[in-house]
């Protein structure tokens, strides 16, 4: 993980309408390389991980997993993109969302959910991120 000195206590964010339902949007400019928000959730016990189901599960290290489907986890509204402006990064047991590029006020936060999630949840329906939606129109 990069140094925690890049973590600002709070960027102004809002949950709003997205092309995939709800999304998380920046209310202010977020510079490149900044930690924006922590993805939080309930710990999933090791013995329960193999049978764990849900769209908000996040592996946080060897044998560690959290279920982010809790009201307090606003980061769960960050949608997938094949051309993301954020990435998930963190020390063992924690997940921080970091900007890969400058994010303008009003822009939706996105990160790549990874191949396993993509293949299980997104590929069957077709990816509807901006990059893929643009390709489909052409």
C-alpha atoms as a PDB file:
ATOM      1  CA  UNK A   1       0.000   0.000   0.000  1.00  0.00           C
ATOM      2  CA  UNK A   2       1.081   3.512  -0.622  1.00  0.00           C
ATOM      3  CA  UNK A   3       1.703   5.847   2.297  1.00  0.00           C
ATOM      4  CA  UNK A   4      -1.345   6.790   4.385  1.00  0.00           C
ATOM      5  CA  UNK A   5      -0.301  10.456   4.170  1.00  0.00           C
ATOM      6  CA  UNK A   6      -2.420  10.630   0.986  1.00  0.00           C
ATOM      7  CA  UNK A   7      -5.613   9.891   2.916  1.00  0.00           C
ATOM      8  CA  UNK A   8      -7.756  12.972   3.300  1.00  0.00           C
ATOM      9  CA  UNK A   9     -10.229  12.686   6.143  1.00  0.00           C
ATOM     10  CA  UNK A  10     -13.208  13.251   3.875  1.00  0.00           C
ATOM     11  CA  UNK A  11     -13.763  13.999   0.233  1.00  0.00           C
ATOM     12  CA  UNK A  12     -17.236  15.217  -0.498  1.00  0.00           C
ATOM     13  CA  UNK A  13     -19.025  12.325  -2.212  1.00  0.00           C
ATOM     14  CA  UNK A  14     -22.640  11.588  -3.048  1.00  0.00           C
ATOM     15  CA  UNK A  15     -24.662   8.556  -4.033  1.00  0.00           C
ATOM     16  CA  UNK A  16     -26.606   9.269  -7.196  1.00  0.00           C
ATOM     17  CA  UNK A  17     -28.207   7.784 -10.283  1.00  0.00           C
ATOM     18  CA  UNK A  18     -25.805   5.941 -12.559  1.00  0.00           C
ATOM     19  CA  UNK A  19     -26.222   4.058 -15.834  1.00  0.00           C
ATOM     20  CA  UNK A  20     -26.118   0.852 -13.737  1.00  0.00           C
ATOM     21  CA  UNK A  21     -28.504   1.958 -10.966  1.00  0.00           C
ATOM     22  CA  UNK A  22     -26.779   3.844  -8.175  1.00  0.00           C
ATOM     23  CA  UNK A  23     -23.199   5.085  -8.183  1.00  0.00           C
ATOM     24  CA  UNK A  24     -20.801   7.121  -6.064  1.00  0.00           C
ATOM     25  CA  UNK A  25     -19.861  10.558  -7.399  1.00  0.00           C
ATOM     26  CA  UNK A  26     -17.263  13.171  -6.477  1.00  0.00           C
ATOM     27  CA  UNK A  27     -18.611  16.542  -5.351  1.00  0.00           C
ATOM     28  CA  UNK A  28     -15.151  18.088  -5.630  1.00  0.00           C
ATOM     29  CA  UNK A  29     -11.935  17.591  -7.553  1.00  0.00           C
ATOM     30  CA  UNK A  30     -10.007  14.563  -6.294  1.00  0.00           C
ATOM     31  CA  UNK A  31      -6.349  14.666  -7.350  1.00  0.00           C
ATOM     32  CA  UNK A  32      -4.559  11.650  -8.824  1.00  0.00           C
ATOM     33  CA  UNK A  33      -3.047   9.247  -6.302  1.00  0.00           C
ATOM     34  CA  UNK A  34      -5.274  10.144  -3.349  1.00  0.00           C
ATOM     35  CA  UNK A  35      -7.001   7.708  -1.040  1.00  0.00           C
ATOM     36  CA  UNK A  36     -10.676   8.626  -1.204  1.00  0.00           C
ATOM     37  CA  UNK A  37     -12.670   6.283   0.999  1.00  0.00           C
ATOM     38  CA  UNK A  38     -12.310   3.018   2.882  1.00  0.00           C
ATOM     39  CA  UNK A  39     -14.407   0.032   1.778  1.00  0.00           C
ATOM     40  CA  UNK A  40     -15.718  -1.349   5.056  1.00  0.00           C
ATOM     41  CA  UNK A  41     -17.794  -4.347   6.083  1.00  0.00           C
ATOM     42  CA  UNK A  42     -18.319  -7.242   8.419  1.00  0.00           C
ATOM     43  CA  UNK A  43     -15.563  -9.849   8.680  1.00  0.00           C
ATOM     44  CA  UNK A  44     -16.481 -13.158   7.051  1.00  0.00           C
ATOM     45  CA  UNK A  45     -15.179 -16.096   9.072  1.00  0.00           C
ATOM     46  CA  UNK A  46     -12.716 -18.328   7.248  1.00  0.00           C
ATOM     47  CA  UNK A  47     -15.051 -21.344   7.523  1.00  0.00           C
ATOM     48  CA  UNK A  48     -17.884 -19.332   5.930  1.00  0.00           C
ATOM     49  CA  UNK A  49     -15.918 -17.895   3.007  1.00  0.00           C
ATOM     50  CA  UNK A  50     -16.284 -20.804   0.602  1.00  0.00           C
ATOM     51  CA  UNK A  51     -20.080 -20.647   0.822  1.00  0.00           C
ATOM     52  CA  UNK A  52     -20.323 -16.854   1.061  1.00  0.00           C
ATOM     53  CA  UNK A  53     -22.629 -15.342  -1.539  1.00  0.00           C
ATOM     54  CA  UNK A  54     -23.238 -11.741  -2.420  1.00  0.00           C
ATOM     55  CA  UNK A  55     -22.028  -8.901  -4.582  1.00  0.00           C
ATOM     56  CA  UNK A  56     -20.252  -6.942  -1.850  1.00  0.00           C
ATOM     57  CA  UNK A  57     -17.649  -9.499  -0.758  1.00  0.00           C
ATOM     58  CA  UNK A  58     -14.068  -8.266  -0.831  1.00  0.00           C
ATOM     59  CA  UNK A  59     -10.958 -10.358  -0.222  1.00  0.00           C
ATOM     60  CA  UNK A  60      -8.638  -8.326   1.987  1.00  0.00           C
ATOM     61  CA  UNK A  61      -5.674 -10.655   2.276  1.00  0.00           C
ATOM     62  CA  UNK A  62      -4.780 -14.313   2.688  1.00  0.00           C
ATOM     63  CA  UNK A  63      -7.822 -15.911   4.263  1.00  0.00           C
ATOM     64  CA  UNK A  64      -9.408 -12.539   5.037  1.00  0.00           C
ATOM     65  CA  UNK A  65     -12.696 -11.301   3.599  1.00  0.00           C
ATOM     66  CA  UNK A  66     -15.283  -8.662   4.380  1.00  0.00           C
ATOM     67  CA  UNK A  67     -18.924  -8.360   3.376  1.00  0.00           C
ATOM     68  CA  UNK A  68     -19.474  -4.721   2.456  1.00  0.00           C
ATOM     69  CA  UNK A  69     -23.263  -4.962   2.350  1.00  0.00           C
ATOM     70  CA  UNK A  70     -23.761  -2.680   5.345  1.00  0.00           C
ATOM     71  CA  UNK A  71     -25.454   0.717   5.426  1.00  0.00           C
ATOM     72  CA  UNK A  72     -22.292   2.522   6.600  1.00  0.00           C
ATOM     73  CA  UNK A  73     -20.283   1.327   3.574  1.00  0.00           C
ATOM     74  CA  UNK A  74     -20.886   4.099   1.047  1.00  0.00           C
ATOM     75  CA  UNK A  75     -17.969   2.724  -1.017  1.00  0.00           C
ATOM     76  CA  UNK A  76     -20.207  -0.208  -2.041  1.00  0.00           C
ATOM     77  CA  UNK A  77     -21.821   2.165  -4.539  1.00  0.00           C
ATOM     78  CA  UNK A  78     -18.613   2.437  -6.594  1.00  0.00           C
ATOM     79  CA  UNK A  79     -19.347   0.682  -9.882  1.00  0.00           C
ATOM     80  CA  UNK A  80     -17.156  -1.438 -12.139  1.00  0.00           C
ATOM     81  CA  UNK A  81     -15.440  -0.029 -15.189  1.00  0.00           C
ATOM     82  CA  UNK A  82     -13.093  -1.601 -17.707  1.00  0.00           C
ATOM     83  CA  UNK A  83     -11.452   1.857 -17.828  1.00  0.00           C
ATOM     84  CA  UNK A  84     -11.534   2.849 -14.126  1.00  0.00           C
ATOM     85  CA  UNK A  85     -10.533   6.097 -12.437  1.00  0.00           C
ATOM     86  CA  UNK A  86      -9.854   4.353  -9.080  1.00  0.00           C
ATOM     87  CA  UNK A  87      -8.334   1.179  -7.717  1.00  0.00           C
ATOM     88  CA  UNK A  88      -8.674  -0.808  -4.511  1.00  0.00           C
ATOM     89  CA  UNK A  89      -5.504  -0.752  -2.431  1.00  0.00           C
ATOM     90  CA  UNK A  90      -4.757  -1.456   1.162  1.00  0.00           C
ATOM     91  CA  UNK A  91      -2.814  -3.167   3.858  1.00  0.00           C
ATOM     92  CA  UNK A  92      -3.800  -6.658   4.930  1.00  0.00           C
ATOM     93  CA  UNK A  93      -7.367  -6.665   6.209  1.00  0.00           C
ATOM     94  CA  UNK A  94      -8.352  -3.219   4.870  1.00  0.00           C
ATOM     95  CA  UNK A  95      -9.388  -1.781   1.527  1.00  0.00           C
ATOM     96  CA  UNK A  96      -8.940   1.835   0.480  1.00  0.00           C
ATOM     97  CA  UNK A  97     -10.130   3.261  -2.809  1.00  0.00           C
ATOM     98  CA  UNK A  98      -7.403   5.368  -4.460  1.00  0.00           C
ATOM     99  CA  UNK A  99      -7.690   7.657  -7.483  1.00  0.00           C
ATOM    100  CA  UNK A 100      -5.750   6.537 -10.558  1.00  0.00           C
ATOM    101  CA  UNK A 101      -6.242   9.918 -12.219  1.00  0.00           C
ATOM    102  CA  UNK A 102      -7.738  13.268 -11.320  1.00  0.00           C
ATOM    103  CA  UNK A 103     -11.481  12.916 -10.815  1.00  0.00           C
ATOM    104  CA  UNK A 104     -13.595  15.966 -11.623  1.00  0.00           C
ATOM    105  CA  UNK A 105     -16.520  17.171  -9.524  1.00  0.00           C
ATOM    106  CA  UNK A 106     -19.618  15.351 -10.762  1.00  0.00           C
ATOM    107  CA  UNK A 107     -17.660  12.373 -12.116  1.00  0.00           C
ATOM    108  CA  UNK A 108     -18.593   8.848 -11.050  1.00  0.00           C
ATOM    109  CA  UNK A 109     -16.000   6.805  -9.142  1.00  0.00           C
ATOM    110  CA  UNK A 110     -15.222   3.423 -10.726  1.00  0.00           C
ATOM    111  CA  UNK A 111     -12.750   0.601 -10.333  1.00  0.00           C
ATOM    112  CA  UNK A 112     -12.159  -2.750 -12.032  1.00  0.00           C
ATOM    113  CA  UNK A 113     -13.866  -5.463  -9.967  1.00  0.00           C
ATOM    114  CA  UNK A 114     -11.488  -8.123 -11.292  1.00  0.00           C
ATOM    115  CA  UNK A 115     -11.847 -11.127 -13.576  1.00  0.00           C
ATOM    116  CA  UNK A 116     -13.591 -13.472 -11.121  1.00  0.00           C
ATOM    117  CA  UNK A 117     -16.352 -10.969 -10.261  1.00  0.00           C
ATOM    118  CA  UNK A 118     -16.634  -9.857 -13.888  1.00  0.00           C
ATOM    119  CA  UNK A 119     -17.037 -13.422 -15.174  1.00  0.00           C
ATOM    120  CA  UNK A 120     -19.584 -14.376 -12.493  1.00  0.00           C
ATOM    121  CA  UNK A 121     -21.753 -11.249 -12.295  1.00  0.00           C
ATOM    122  CA  UNK A 122     -21.130  -8.901 -15.237  1.00  0.00           C
ATOM    123  CA  UNK A 123     -20.181 -10.978 -18.277  1.00  0.00           C
ATOM    124  CA  UNK A 124     -23.469 -12.960 -18.452  1.00  0.00           C
ATOM    125  CA  UNK A 125     -25.491  -9.714 -18.701  1.00  0.00           C
ATOM    126  CA  UNK A 126     -22.878  -7.792 -20.640  1.00  0.00           C
ATOM    127  CA  UNK A 127     -20.680  -5.081 -19.184  1.00  0.00           C
ATOM    128  CA  UNK A 128     -22.383  -1.689 -19.236  1.00  0.00           C
ATOM    129  CA  UNK A 129     -19.469   0.521 -18.176  1.00  0.00           C
ATOM    130  CA  UNK A 130     -18.910   3.617 -20.337  1.00  0.00           C
ATOM    131  CA  UNK A 131     -16.026   1.983 -22.228  1.00  0.00           C
ATOM    132  CA  UNK A 132     -18.046  -1.113 -23.158  1.00  0.00           C
ATOM    133  CA  UNK A 133     -21.270   0.818 -23.814  1.00  0.00           C
ATOM    134  CA  UNK A 134     -19.374   3.054 -26.267  1.00  0.00           C
ATOM    135  CA  UNK A 135     -17.952  -0.020 -28.068  1.00  0.00           C
ATOM    136  CA  UNK A 136     -21.416  -1.571 -28.320  1.00  0.00           C
ATOM    137  CA  UNK A 137     -22.833   1.574 -29.997  1.00  0.00           C
ATOM    138  CA  UNK A 138     -20.124   1.590 -32.693  1.00  0.00           C
END
